[in-house]
Amino acid sequence: MEDSLTKRERDIIIMRYGLRDGKCKTQREIAALLNISRSYVSRIEKKALKKLNKVLYSKSV
């Protein structure tokens, strides 16, 4: 499942939902860490979640 995401997508999802350290970060915090805009973080997050949903759905059918 994880293989379907790019490194940047994976990093954003991990930071956004606190999957590594248990501390969720805002899109603004992630944008500052990665030196990109908040709106770009939002687009990447949305794309990554869509990919994950597609992978999960295809495995359950």
PDB file of N, CA and C in Angstrom:
ATOM      1  N   MET A   1       0.828  -1.187   0.000  1.00  0.00           N
ATOM      2  CA  MET A   1       0.000   0.000   0.000  1.00  0.00           C
ATOM      3  C   MET A   1       0.872   1.250   0.000  1.00  0.00           C
ATOM      4  N   GLU A   2       1.837   1.272   0.876  1.00  0.00           N
ATOM      5  CA  GLU A   2       2.742   2.390   0.992  1.00  0.00           C
ATOM      6  C   GLU A   2       3.532   2.628  -0.286  1.00  0.00           C
ATOM      7  N   ASP A   3       3.767   1.570  -1.056  1.00  0.00           N
ATOM      8  CA  ASP A   3       4.542   1.669  -2.281  1.00  0.00           C
ATOM      9  C   ASP A   3       3.849   2.501  -3.343  1.00  0.00           C
ATOM     10  N   SER A   4       2.556   2.721  -3.224  1.00  0.00           N
ATOM     11  CA  SER A   4       1.833   3.480  -4.225  1.00  0.00           C
ATOM     12  C   SER A   4       2.032   4.989  -4.063  1.00  0.00           C
ATOM     13  N   LEU A   5       2.628   5.436  -2.968  1.00  0.00           N
ATOM     14  CA  LEU A   5       2.863   6.855  -2.725  1.00  0.00           C
ATOM     15  C   LEU A   5       4.295   7.246  -3.040  1.00  0.00           C
ATOM     16  N   THR A   6       4.473   8.492  -3.477  1.00  0.00           N
ATOM     17  CA  THR A   6       5.822   9.017  -3.655  1.00  0.00           C
ATOM     18  C   THR A   6       6.398   9.317  -2.266  1.00  0.00           C
ATOM     19  N   LYS A   7       7.681   9.557  -2.197  1.00  0.00           N
ATOM     20  CA  LYS A   7       8.316   9.860  -0.911  1.00  0.00           C
ATOM     21  C   LYS A   7       7.700  11.115  -0.291  1.00  0.00           C
ATOM     22  N   ARG A   8       7.489  12.135  -1.091  1.00  0.00           N
ATOM     23  CA  ARG A   8       6.910  13.377  -0.573  1.00  0.00           C
ATOM     24  C   ARG A   8       5.485  13.152  -0.061  1.00  0.00           C
ATOM     25  N   GLU A   9       4.681  12.411  -0.813  1.00  0.00           N
ATOM     26  CA  GLU A   9       3.318  12.100  -0.382  1.00  0.00           C
ATOM     27  C   GLU A   9       3.342  11.336   0.938  1.00  0.00           C
ATOM     28  N   ARG A  10       4.216  10.332   1.018  1.00  0.00           N
ATOM     29  CA  ARG A  10       4.337   9.515   2.226  1.00  0.00           C
ATOM     30  C   ARG A  10       4.752  10.379   3.421  1.00  0.00           C
ATOM     31  N   ASP A  11       5.744  11.251   3.216  1.00  0.00           N
ATOM     32  CA  ASP A  11       6.226  12.116   4.298  1.00  0.00           C
ATOM     33  C   ASP A  11       5.118  13.043   4.798  1.00  0.00           C
ATOM     34  N   ILE A  12       4.352  13.597   3.879  1.00  0.00           N
ATOM     35  CA  ILE A  12       3.279  14.512   4.266  1.00  0.00           C
ATOM     36  C   ILE A  12       2.192  13.781   5.050  1.00  0.00           C
ATOM     37  N   ILE A  13       1.800  12.610   4.599  1.00  0.00           N
ATOM     38  CA  ILE A  13       0.771  11.839   5.315  1.00  0.00           C
ATOM     39  C   ILE A  13       1.274  11.456   6.709  1.00  0.00           C
ATOM     40  N   ILE A  14       2.511  11.033   6.797  1.00  0.00           N
ATOM     41  CA  ILE A  14       3.101  10.655   8.098  1.00  0.00           C
ATOM     42  C   ILE A  14       3.101  11.839   9.054  1.00  0.00           C
ATOM     43  N   MET A  15       3.529  13.011   8.571  1.00  0.00           N
ATOM     44  CA  MET A  15       3.565  14.194   9.439  1.00  0.00           C
ATOM     45  C   MET A  15       2.163  14.692   9.771  1.00  0.00           C
ATOM     46  N   ARG A  16       1.288  14.720   8.793  1.00  0.00           N
ATOM     47  CA  ARG A  16      -0.062  15.281   8.962  1.00  0.00           C
ATOM     48  C   ARG A  16      -0.863  14.517  10.006  1.00  0.00           C
ATOM     49  N   TYR A  17      -0.722  13.214  10.010  1.00  0.00           N
ATOM     50  CA  TYR A  17      -1.516  12.384  10.923  1.00  0.00           C
ATOM     51  C   TYR A  17      -0.708  11.818  12.090  1.00  0.00           C
ATOM     52  N   GLY A  18       0.530  12.272  12.255  1.00  0.00           N
ATOM     53  CA  GLY A  18       1.344  11.875  13.405  1.00  0.00           C
ATOM     54  C   GLY A  18       1.653  10.397  13.457  1.00  0.00           C
ATOM     55  N   LEU A  19       1.849   9.785  12.311  1.00  0.00           N
ATOM     56  CA  LEU A  19       2.040   8.335  12.267  1.00  0.00           C
ATOM     57  C   LEU A  19       3.407   7.892  12.796  1.00  0.00           C
ATOM     58  N   ARG A  20       4.353   8.788  12.864  1.00  0.00           N
ATOM     59  CA  ARG A  20       5.671   8.415  13.362  1.00  0.00           C
ATOM     60  C   ARG A  20       5.849   8.765  14.831  1.00  0.00           C
ATOM     61  N   ASP A  21       5.418   9.963  15.214  1.00  0.00           N
ATOM     62  CA  ASP A  21       5.668  10.425  16.591  1.00  0.00           C
ATOM     63  C   ASP A  21       4.401  10.691  17.404  1.00  0.00           C
ATOM     64  N   GLY A  22       3.241  10.464  16.805  1.00  0.00           N
ATOM     65  CA  GLY A  22       1.992  10.678  17.514  1.00  0.00           C
ATOM     66  C   GLY A  22       1.543  12.133  17.578  1.00  0.00           C
ATOM     67  N   LYS A  23       2.286  13.023  16.925  1.00  0.00           N
ATOM     68  CA  LYS A  23       1.954  14.449  16.945  1.00  0.00           C
ATOM     69  C   LYS A  23       1.569  14.900  15.540  1.00  0.00           C
ATOM     70  N   CYS A  24       0.304  15.205  15.371  1.00  0.00           N
ATOM     71  CA  CYS A  24      -0.197  15.671  14.076  1.00  0.00           C
ATOM     72  C   CYS A  24       0.300  17.089  13.816  1.00  0.00           C
ATOM     73  N   LYS A  25       0.682  17.346  12.583  1.00  0.00           N
ATOM     74  CA  LYS A  25       1.139  18.681  12.200  1.00  0.00           C
ATOM     75  C   LYS A  25       0.107  19.318  11.275  1.00  0.00           C
ATOM     76  N   THR A  26       0.021  20.634  11.331  1.00  0.00           N
ATOM     77  CA  THR A  26      -0.880  21.343  10.423  1.00  0.00           C
ATOM     78  C   THR A  26      -0.231  21.424   9.043  1.00  0.00           C
ATOM     79  N   GLN A  27      -1.050  21.737   8.060  1.00  0.00           N
ATOM     80  CA  GLN A  27      -0.509  21.917   6.710  1.00  0.00           C
ATOM     81  C   GLN A  27       0.506  23.057   6.702  1.00  0.00           C
ATOM     82  N   ARG A  28       0.246  24.078   7.478  1.00  0.00           N
ATOM     83  CA  ARG A  28       1.179  25.220   7.550  1.00  0.00           C
ATOM     84  C   ARG A  28       2.531  24.798   8.123  1.00  0.00           C
ATOM     85  N   GLU A  29       2.525  23.967   9.180  1.00  0.00           N
ATOM     86  CA  GLU A  29       3.780  23.486   9.772  1.00  0.00           C
ATOM     87  C   GLU A  29       4.553  22.621   8.771  1.00  0.00           C
ATOM     88  N   ILE A  30       3.846  21.761   8.076  1.00  0.00           N
ATOM     89  CA  ILE A  30       4.493  20.894   7.080  1.00  0.00           C
ATOM     90  C   ILE A  30       5.071  21.733   5.956  1.00  0.00           C
ATOM     91  N   ALA A  31       4.316  22.727   5.509  1.00  0.00           N
ATOM     92  CA  ALA A  31       4.793  23.610   4.439  1.00  0.00           C
ATOM     93  C   ALA A  31       6.095  24.294   4.842  1.00  0.00           C
ATOM     94  N   ALA A  32       6.165  24.766   6.079  1.00  0.00           N
ATOM     95  CA  ALA A  32       7.381  25.426   6.563  1.00  0.00           C
ATOM     96  C   ALA A  32       8.555  24.450   6.602  1.00  0.00           C
ATOM     97  N   LEU A  33       8.299  23.223   7.052  1.00  0.00           N
ATOM     98  CA  LEU A  33       9.367  22.216   7.123  1.00  0.00           C
ATOM     99  C   LEU A  33       9.892  21.836   5.737  1.00  0.00           C
ATOM    100  N   LEU A  34       8.988  21.743   4.767  1.00  0.00           N
ATOM    101  CA  LEU A  34       9.371  21.307   3.419  1.00  0.00           C
ATOM    102  C   LEU A  34       9.660  22.473   2.471  1.00  0.00           C
ATOM    103  N   ASN A  35       9.475  23.696   2.981  1.00  0.00           N
ATOM    104  CA  ASN A  35       9.719  24.900   2.192  1.00  0.00           C
ATOM    105  C   ASN A  35       8.869  24.936   0.914  1.00  0.00           C
ATOM    106  N   ILE A  36       7.591  24.625   1.090  1.00  0.00           N
ATOM    107  CA  ILE A  36       6.622  24.694   0.003  1.00  0.00           C
ATOM    108  C   ILE A  36       5.379  25.420   0.524  1.00  0.00           C
ATOM    109  N   SER A  37       4.451  25.766  -0.350  1.00  0.00           N
ATOM    110  CA  SER A  37       3.255  26.492   0.098  1.00  0.00           C
ATOM    111  C   SER A  37       2.265  25.556   0.794  1.00  0.00           C
ATOM    112  N   ARG A  38       1.427  26.141   1.643  1.00  0.00           N
ATOM    113  CA  ARG A  38       0.404  25.375   2.331  1.00  0.00           C
ATOM    114  C   ARG A  38      -0.584  24.774   1.341  1.00  0.00           C
ATOM    115  N   SER A  39      -0.891  25.516   0.302  1.00  0.00           N
ATOM    116  CA  SER A  39      -1.834  24.989  -0.685  1.00  0.00           C
ATOM    117  C   SER A  39      -1.246  23.800  -1.443  1.00  0.00           C
ATOM    118  N   TYR A  40       0.064  23.808  -1.638  1.00  0.00           N
ATOM    119  CA  TYR A  40       0.707  22.670  -2.299  1.00  0.00           C
ATOM    120  C   TYR A  40       0.675  21.441  -1.389  1.00  0.00           C
ATOM    121  N   VAL A  41       0.882  21.649  -0.098  1.00  0.00           N
ATOM    122  CA  VAL A  41       0.762  20.546   0.871  1.00  0.00           C
ATOM    123  C   VAL A  41      -0.648  19.973   0.805  1.00  0.00           C
ATOM    124  N   SER A  42      -1.633  20.844   0.748  1.00  0.00           N
ATOM    125  CA  SER A  42      -3.029  20.415   0.686  1.00  0.00           C
ATOM    126  C   SER A  42      -3.284  19.567  -0.562  1.00  0.00           C
ATOM    127  N   ARG A  43      -2.780  20.008  -1.694  1.00  0.00           N
ATOM    128  CA  ARG A  43      -2.974  19.253  -2.943  1.00  0.00           C
ATOM    129  C   ARG A  43      -2.294  17.894  -2.884  1.00  0.00           C
ATOM    130  N   ILE A  44      -1.069  17.860  -2.350  1.00  0.00           N
ATOM    131  CA  ILE A  44      -0.331  16.591  -2.243  1.00  0.00           C
ATOM    132  C   ILE A  44      -1.055  15.640  -1.291  1.00  0.00           C
ATOM    133  N   GLU A  45      -1.519  16.175  -0.159  1.00  0.00           N
ATOM    134  CA  GLU A  45      -2.246  15.347   0.811  1.00  0.00           C
ATOM    135  C   GLU A  45      -3.507  14.758   0.184  1.00  0.00           C
ATOM    136  N   LYS A  46      -4.252  15.585  -0.510  1.00  0.00           N
ATOM    137  CA  LYS A  46      -5.491  15.131  -1.148  1.00  0.00           C
ATOM    138  C   LYS A  46      -5.208  14.028  -2.171  1.00  0.00           C
ATOM    139  N   LYS A  47      -4.172  14.220  -2.966  1.00  0.00           N
ATOM    140  CA  LYS A  47      -3.793  13.231  -3.983  1.00  0.00           C
ATOM    141  C   LYS A  47      -3.367  11.919  -3.323  1.00  0.00           C
ATOM    142  N   ALA A  48      -2.588  12.014  -2.251  1.00  0.00           N
ATOM    143  CA  ALA A  48      -2.112  10.822  -1.548  1.00  0.00           C
ATOM    144  C   ALA A  48      -3.265  10.044  -0.926  1.00  0.00           C
ATOM    145  N   LEU A  49      -4.195  10.757  -0.304  1.00  0.00           N
ATOM    146  CA  LEU A  49      -5.351  10.090   0.310  1.00  0.00           C
ATOM    147  C   LEU A  49      -6.215   9.410  -0.746  1.00  0.00           C
ATOM    148  N   LYS A  50      -6.335  10.045  -1.894  1.00  0.00           N
ATOM    149  CA  LYS A  50      -7.099   9.447  -2.994  1.00  0.00           C
ATOM    150  C   LYS A  50      -6.426   8.152  -3.462  1.00  0.00           C
ATOM    151  N   LYS A  51      -5.095   8.182  -3.572  1.00  0.00           N
ATOM    152  CA  LYS A  51      -4.353   6.976  -3.963  1.00  0.00           C
ATOM    153  C   LYS A  51      -4.553   5.862  -2.945  1.00  0.00           C
ATOM    154  N   LEU A  52      -4.424   6.195  -1.664  1.00  0.00           N
ATOM    155  CA  LEU A  52      -4.571   5.192  -0.612  1.00  0.00           C
ATOM    156  C   LEU A  52      -5.981   4.606  -0.605  1.00  0.00           C
ATOM    157  N   ASN A  53      -6.959   5.450  -0.798  1.00  0.00           N
ATOM    158  CA  ASN A  53      -8.339   4.992  -0.841  1.00  0.00           C
ATOM    159  C   ASN A  53      -8.546   4.028  -2.004  1.00  0.00           C
ATOM    160  N   LYS A  54      -7.969   4.353  -3.138  1.00  0.00           N
ATOM    161  CA  LYS A  54      -8.088   3.502  -4.324  1.00  0.00           C
ATOM    162  C   LYS A  54      -7.446   2.135  -4.070  1.00  0.00           C
ATOM    163  N   VAL A  55      -6.273   2.135  -3.446  1.00  0.00           N
ATOM    164  CA  VAL A  55      -5.573   0.882  -3.150  1.00  0.00           C
ATOM    165  C   VAL A  55      -6.384   0.048  -2.161  1.00  0.00           C
ATOM    166  N   LEU A  56      -6.881   0.674  -1.109  1.00  0.00           N
ATOM    167  CA  LEU A  56      -7.675  -0.050  -0.115  1.00  0.00           C
ATOM    168  C   LEU A  56      -8.957  -0.596  -0.715  1.00  0.00           C
ATOM    169  N   TYR A  57      -9.622   0.191  -1.544  1.00  0.00           N
ATOM    170  CA  TYR A  57     -10.863  -0.257  -2.165  1.00  0.00           C
ATOM    171  C   TYR A  57     -10.608  -1.420  -3.100  1.00  0.00           C
ATOM    172  N   SER A  58      -9.554  -1.344  -3.886  1.00  0.00           N
ATOM    173  CA  SER A  58      -9.264  -2.414  -4.849  1.00  0.00           C
ATOM    174  C   SER A  58      -8.902  -3.726  -4.148  1.00  0.00           C
ATOM    175  N   LYS A  59      -8.323  -3.648  -2.957  1.00  0.00           N
ATOM    176  CA  LYS A  59      -7.963  -4.864  -2.213  1.00  0.00           C
ATOM    177  C   LYS A  59      -9.163  -5.474  -1.506  1.00  0.00           C
ATOM    178  N   SER A  60     -10.194  -4.650  -1.234  1.00  0.00           N
ATOM    179  CA  SER A  60     -11.359  -5.173  -0.512  1.00  0.00           C
ATOM    180  C   SER A  60     -12.419  -5.755  -1.437  1.00  0.00           C
ATOM    181  N   VAL A  61     -12.309  -5.483  -2.713  1.00  0.00           N
ATOM    182  CA  VAL A  61     -13.327  -5.974  -3.655  1.00  0.00           C
ATOM    183  C   VAL A  61     -12.949  -7.305  -4.210  1.00  0.00           C
TER     184      VAL A  61
END
